[in-house]
């Protein structure tokens, strides 16, 4: 029994991976900016 339904073309999985990486880094950046703004408001 082969589990080949989860295998994607390399380019597609590569694009998906880069999309996820970009999304994660964007969320981190957004969080960082929000913290920075909150600190500015407190001061």
Protein backbone atom coordinates (compact mmCIF):
# COMPACT_ATOMS: atom_id res chain seq x y z
CA UNK A 1 0.00 0.00 0.00
CA UNK A 2 1.56 3.24 -1.16
CA UNK A 3 0.75 6.61 0.33
CA UNK A 4 1.44 8.69 -2.73
CA UNK A 5 -1.60 10.97 -2.50
CA UNK A 6 0.29 13.34 -0.18
CA UNK A 7 3.19 13.76 -2.61
CA UNK A 8 3.16 17.12 -4.34
CA UNK A 9 5.25 18.41 -7.21
CA UNK A 10 8.45 19.95 -5.86
CA UNK A 11 7.72 23.44 -7.18
CA UNK A 12 4.27 23.47 -5.59
CA UNK A 13 5.49 22.34 -2.19
CA UNK A 14 8.36 24.84 -2.43
CA UNK A 15 5.89 27.66 -3.15
CA UNK A 16 3.65 26.52 -0.31
CA UNK A 17 6.62 26.44 2.06
CA UNK A 18 7.77 29.92 1.09
CA UNK A 19 4.18 31.18 1.51
CA UNK A 20 4.02 29.73 5.02
CA UNK A 21 7.44 31.18 5.88
CA UNK A 22 6.42 34.60 4.59
CA UNK A 23 3.15 34.46 6.51
CA UNK A 24 4.95 33.53 9.73
CA UNK A 25 7.56 36.25 9.35
CA UNK A 26 4.84 38.77 8.57
CA UNK A 27 2.96 37.80 11.72
CA UNK A 28 6.14 38.18 13.78
CA UNK A 29 6.84 41.55 12.21
CA UNK A 30 3.26 42.66 12.86
CA UNK A 31 3.57 41.60 16.51
CA UNK A 32 6.88 43.42 16.86
CA UNK A 33 5.49 46.63 15.38
CA UNK A 34 2.43 46.45 17.61
CA UNK A 35 4.64 46.07 20.71
CA UNK A 36 6.75 49.00 19.56
CA UNK A 37 3.68 51.20 19.11
CA UNK A 38 2.33 50.21 22.53
CA UNK A 39 5.66 51.18 24.12
CA UNK A 40 5.58 54.53 22.34
CA UNK A 41 2.05 55.20 23.60
CA UNK A 42 3.02 54.39 27.21
CA UNK A 43 5.87 56.91 27.07
